[in-house]
Amino acid sequence: MSPEPPTKTAAIVNAIQHFLVENTRLGIPAIVHEECLCGYQARQGTVFPQAIGLAATWDPALVEKMTDAIRKQMVAAGARQALAPVLDIARDPRWGRTEETFGEDPYLVSTMGKAYVRGLQGHDLADGVMATAKHFIGYGNSEGGLNWAPAHIPPRELYEVFARPFEMAIREAGLASVMNAYNEIDGVPCAVSKALLTDFLRGQLGFQGLVVSDYMAIETACNYHG
């Protein structure tokens, strides 16, 4: 489990940052993000078990140790935002991303997710990587198990079950970033819902960090959700 950087990735990141700082009007470096659901997803990155396998260990300390190793590889390569962990509660095995989750139990998902965040972010973000909890919210409970489909979740269940892992990561692990989901709740796409992203996430759950769009979520509000 080597913390050595994926060297080609590090060279690419350095070239990008030099160009942005030296050859653009504002000179602002990029926040380079990477996937790391089960290890830093780059050449020479270490591969670990999928999240559903990690959940089966019931060992959050081991998860934190794992993501600490991921953090070292990502920082060495110049990547400072991680698109993980997945904190979706998965209760329909037909959904094709179930293996990316820690399962169906909100307490287990919350505990494993908190450990995942702590290992990635470290004791100080100056030496850490921003964890990005996803997908906010209800993504793993889609109609018919179809990806992107609406999630029919009553308000109490939304808060007590599906939001609980996010709340624990925010309040107990200092979560730095949240990614919205592709699905809709009560007819409104999560990516454009003030009720979810402002009133609920920031107001009720107390999140003060960075909210990022899943890659095509803004576009799909128009061309998929209509």
Protein backbone atom coordinates (compact mmCIF):
# COMPACT_ATOMS: atom_id res chain seq x y z
CA MET A 1 0.00 0.00 0.00
CA SER A 2 2.42 2.64 -1.26
CA PRO A 3 1.73 6.37 -0.85
CA GLU A 4 3.90 7.11 -3.89
CA PRO A 5 2.10 9.34 -6.40
CA PRO A 6 0.87 8.16 -9.79
CA THR A 7 3.73 9.94 -11.54
CA LYS A 8 2.07 10.61 -14.90
CA THR A 9 -0.96 12.11 -13.15
CA ALA A 10 1.27 14.37 -11.03
CA ALA A 11 3.04 15.65 -14.15
CA ILE A 12 -0.27 16.40 -15.88
CA VAL A 13 -1.65 18.23 -12.83
CA ASN A 14 1.51 20.32 -12.49
CA ALA A 15 1.35 21.29 -16.17
CA ILE A 16 -2.30 22.31 -15.86
CA GLN A 17 -1.67 24.42 -12.77
CA HIS A 18 1.35 26.17 -14.28
CA PHE A 19 -0.69 27.05 -17.36
CA LEU A 20 -3.63 28.40 -15.36
CA VAL A 21 -1.46 30.46 -13.01
CA GLU A 22 0.92 31.82 -15.63
CA ASN A 23 -1.19 32.09 -18.79
CA THR A 24 -4.70 33.13 -17.75
CA ARG A 25 -5.98 36.56 -16.82
CA LEU A 26 -6.83 35.81 -13.20
CA GLY A 27 -4.11 33.24 -12.54
CA ILE A 28 -6.36 31.04 -10.39
CA PRO A 29 -5.29 27.38 -10.04
CA ALA A 30 -7.87 24.64 -10.54
CA ILE A 31 -9.30 22.38 -7.87
CA VAL A 32 -8.36 19.01 -9.37
CA HIS A 33 -10.88 16.34 -8.46
CA GLU A 34 -10.59 12.59 -8.79
CA GLU A 35 -12.64 9.46 -8.21
CA CYS A 36 -11.59 7.34 -5.23
CA LEU A 37 -14.53 5.17 -4.26
CA CYS A 38 -12.32 2.12 -3.74
CA GLY A 39 -8.88 3.64 -4.12
CA TYR A 40 -7.37 6.52 -6.07
CA GLN A 41 -8.59 5.81 -9.61
CA ALA A 42 -5.42 6.53 -11.55
CA ARG A 43 -2.50 4.58 -12.95
CA GLN A 44 -0.35 3.31 -10.04
CA GLY A 45 -3.17 4.01 -7.57
CA THR A 46 -3.90 1.33 -4.95
CA VAL A 47 -7.16 -0.60 -5.41
CA PHE A 48 -9.22 -1.52 -2.32
CA PRO A 49 -12.51 -3.43 -1.90
CA GLN A 50 -15.76 -1.86 -3.05
CA ALA A 51 -17.84 0.02 -0.47
CA ILE A 52 -20.38 -2.79 0.02
CA GLY A 53 -17.46 -5.07 0.93
CA LEU A 54 -16.05 -2.50 3.33
CA ALA A 55 -19.45 -2.26 5.01
CA ALA A 56 -19.38 -6.02 5.62
CA THR A 57 -16.31 -5.59 7.84
CA TRP A 58 -18.17 -3.34 10.32
CA ASP A 59 -14.76 -1.78 10.93
CA PRO A 60 -14.76 2.04 10.56
CA ALA A 61 -11.20 2.29 11.88
CA LEU A 62 -10.01 0.16 8.95
CA VAL A 63 -11.94 2.37 6.52
CA GLU A 64 -10.29 5.48 7.95
CA LYS A 65 -6.88 3.85 7.62
CA MET A 66 -7.68 3.01 4.00
CA THR A 67 -8.77 6.52 3.08
CA ASP A 68 -5.74 7.97 4.82
CA ALA A 69 -3.64 5.99 2.32
CA ILE A 70 -5.83 7.25 -0.53
CA ARG A 71 -5.36 10.82 0.73
CA LYS A 72 -1.57 10.51 0.61
CA GLN A 73 -1.63 9.27 -2.98
CA MET A 74 -4.02 11.99 -4.11
CA VAL A 75 -2.14 14.84 -2.42
CA ALA A 76 1.13 13.60 -3.89
CA ALA A 77 -0.46 13.73 -7.35
CA GLY A 78 -1.91 17.21 -6.79
CA ALA A 79 -5.57 16.17 -6.53
CA ARG A 80 -7.37 18.01 -3.73
CA GLN A 81 -11.01 16.96 -4.08
CA ALA A 82 -12.28 13.40 -3.86
CA LEU A 83 -15.63 12.40 -5.37
CA ALA A 84 -16.44 10.04 -2.49
CA PRO A 85 -17.89 8.66 -0.28
CA VAL A 86 -21.24 7.48 -1.59
CA LEU A 87 -23.66 7.93 1.31
CA ASP A 88 -26.78 6.73 -0.49
CA ILE A 89 -28.96 4.28 1.41
CA ALA A 90 -29.50 1.36 -0.99
CA ARG A 91 -32.70 -0.58 -0.34
CA ASP A 92 -33.53 -1.85 -3.84
CA PRO A 93 -30.90 -4.27 -5.19
CA ARG A 94 -32.18 -3.65 -8.72
CA TRP A 95 -30.47 -0.26 -8.60
CA GLY A 96 -27.22 -0.64 -10.54
CA ARG A 97 -25.00 1.29 -8.12
CA THR A 98 -25.73 -0.68 -4.97
CA GLU A 99 -22.14 -1.95 -4.74
CA GLU A 100 -20.91 1.65 -4.42
CA THR A 101 -22.85 2.09 -1.18
CA PHE A 102 -22.39 0.91 2.40
CA GLY A 103 -25.80 -0.78 2.22
CA GLU A 104 -29.29 -0.30 3.59
CA ASP A 105 -28.79 0.58 7.26
CA PRO A 106 -28.55 4.33 8.02
CA TYR A 107 -26.42 3.84 11.14
CA LEU A 108 -23.87 1.63 9.38
CA VAL A 109 -23.73 3.94 6.36
CA SER A 110 -23.32 6.95 8.67
CA THR A 111 -20.53 5.35 10.69
CA MET A 112 -18.58 4.10 7.68
CA GLY A 113 -19.12 7.36 5.82
CA LYS A 114 -17.83 9.43 8.74
CA ALA A 115 -14.68 7.31 8.90
CA TYR A 116 -14.22 7.63 5.13
CA VAL A 117 -14.42 11.42 5.36
CA ARG A 118 -12.03 11.66 8.29
CA GLY A 119 -9.38 9.61 6.54
CA LEU A 120 -9.58 11.64 3.34
CA GLN A 121 -9.64 15.07 4.93
CA GLY A 122 -7.10 14.36 7.67
CA HIS A 123 -6.66 16.58 10.70
CA ASP A 124 -6.14 19.69 8.56
CA LEU A 125 -7.42 20.26 5.02
CA ALA A 126 -4.15 22.02 4.23
CA ASP A 127 -2.70 18.50 4.09
CA GLY A 128 -5.91 16.72 3.18
CA VAL A 129 -8.35 16.15 0.37
CA MET A 130 -11.91 17.48 0.32
CA ALA A 131 -14.33 14.58 0.66
CA THR A 132 -17.48 14.91 -1.47
CA ALA A 133 -20.45 13.04 -0.04
CA LYS A 134 -22.93 11.94 -2.68
CA HIS A 135 -25.60 11.82 -3.90
CA PHE A 136 -27.86 14.32 -2.17
CA ILE A 137 -30.47 12.92 -1.83
CA GLY A 138 -32.49 9.71 -2.08
CA TYR A 139 -30.57 8.51 -5.13
CA GLY A 140 -30.45 4.89 -3.96
CA ASN A 141 -34.23 4.61 -3.59
CA SER A 142 -35.32 5.29 -7.15
CA GLU A 143 -38.60 4.16 -8.67
CA GLY A 144 -38.26 0.63 -10.03
CA GLY A 145 -34.55 0.59 -9.21
CA LEU A 146 -33.90 2.69 -12.32
CA ASN A 147 -30.94 5.06 -12.29
CA TRP A 148 -31.99 8.76 -12.35
CA ALA A 149 -35.64 7.83 -11.74
CA PRO A 150 -37.76 9.79 -9.21
CA ALA A 151 -37.43 8.89 -5.54
CA HIS A 152 -40.74 8.77 -3.69
CA ILE A 153 -39.68 9.43 -0.10
CA PRO A 154 -41.91 11.02 2.59
CA PRO A 155 -40.35 13.96 4.51
CA ARG A 156 -39.88 12.08 7.79
CA GLU A 157 -38.14 9.15 6.11
CA LEU A 158 -36.05 11.54 4.02
CA TYR A 159 -34.68 13.13 7.17
CA GLU A 160 -34.48 10.14 9.52
CA VAL A 161 -33.06 7.62 7.02
CA PHE A 162 -31.65 9.11 3.82
CA ALA A 163 -30.22 12.34 5.23
CA ARG A 164 -28.76 10.79 8.37
CA PRO A 165 -25.38 9.78 6.85
CA PHE A 166 -24.92 13.27 5.41
CA GLU A 167 -25.81 14.88 8.72
CA MET A 168 -23.30 12.74 10.63
CA ALA A 169 -20.55 13.47 8.08
CA ILE A 170 -21.29 17.20 8.34
CA ARG A 171 -21.61 17.48 12.11
CA GLU A 172 -19.06 14.89 13.25
CA ALA A 173 -16.46 14.76 10.48
CA GLY A 174 -16.43 18.32 9.10
CA LEU A 175 -17.47 17.25 5.60
CA ALA A 176 -16.12 19.76 3.06
CA SER A 177 -18.24 19.05 -0.04
CA VAL A 178 -21.59 17.60 -1.10
CA MET A 179 -22.69 16.50 -4.58
CA ASN A 180 -26.33 16.64 -5.64
CA ALA A 181 -28.15 13.64 -7.04
CA TYR A 182 -29.60 13.16 -10.53
CA ASN A 183 -33.05 12.13 -9.33
CA GLU A 184 -36.01 14.28 -8.40
CA ILE A 185 -37.86 14.53 -5.10
CA ASP A 186 -41.54 15.48 -5.18
CA GLY A 187 -41.28 16.55 -8.81
CA VAL A 188 -38.24 18.82 -8.45
CA PRO A 189 -34.75 17.71 -9.66
CA CYS A 190 -32.34 17.68 -6.72
CA ALA A 191 -29.80 19.75 -8.68
CA VAL A 192 -32.10 22.77 -8.84
CA SER A 193 -34.06 22.40 -5.60
CA LYS A 194 -33.78 25.34 -3.21
CA ALA A 195 -35.79 23.36 -0.69
CA LEU A 196 -33.16 20.58 -0.65
CA LEU A 197 -29.85 22.35 -1.32
CA THR A 198 -30.46 25.58 0.60
CA ASP A 199 -33.25 25.17 3.12
CA PHE A 200 -32.58 21.54 4.06
CA LEU A 201 -28.85 20.96 3.44
CA ARG A 202 -27.57 24.33 4.59
CA GLY A 203 -30.38 25.47 6.86
CA GLN A 204 -31.44 22.30 8.67
CA LEU A 205 -28.31 20.14 8.42
CA GLY A 206 -25.91 23.07 8.93
CA PHE A 207 -23.67 22.42 5.92
CA GLN A 208 -21.31 25.32 5.12
CA GLY A 209 -19.03 23.73 2.53
CA LEU A 210 -18.89 23.38 -1.26
CA VAL A 211 -21.89 22.03 -3.18
CA VAL A 212 -20.97 20.57 -6.56
CA SER A 213 -23.12 19.32 -9.42
CA ASP A 214 -22.90 15.75 -10.55
CA TYR A 215 -21.44 15.94 -14.03
CA MET A 216 -24.59 16.34 -16.14
CA ALA A 217 -27.11 17.20 -13.42
CA ILE A 218 -27.74 20.80 -14.48
CA GLU A 219 -28.16 19.81 -18.12
CA THR A 220 -30.50 16.92 -17.28
CA ALA A 221 -32.82 19.24 -15.36
CA CYS A 222 -33.82 20.43 -18.84
CA ASN A 223 -33.26 17.55 -21.25
CA TYR A 224 -34.22 14.65 -18.95
CA HIS A 225 -36.56 16.00 -16.26
CA GLY A 226 -38.16 18.47 -18.64
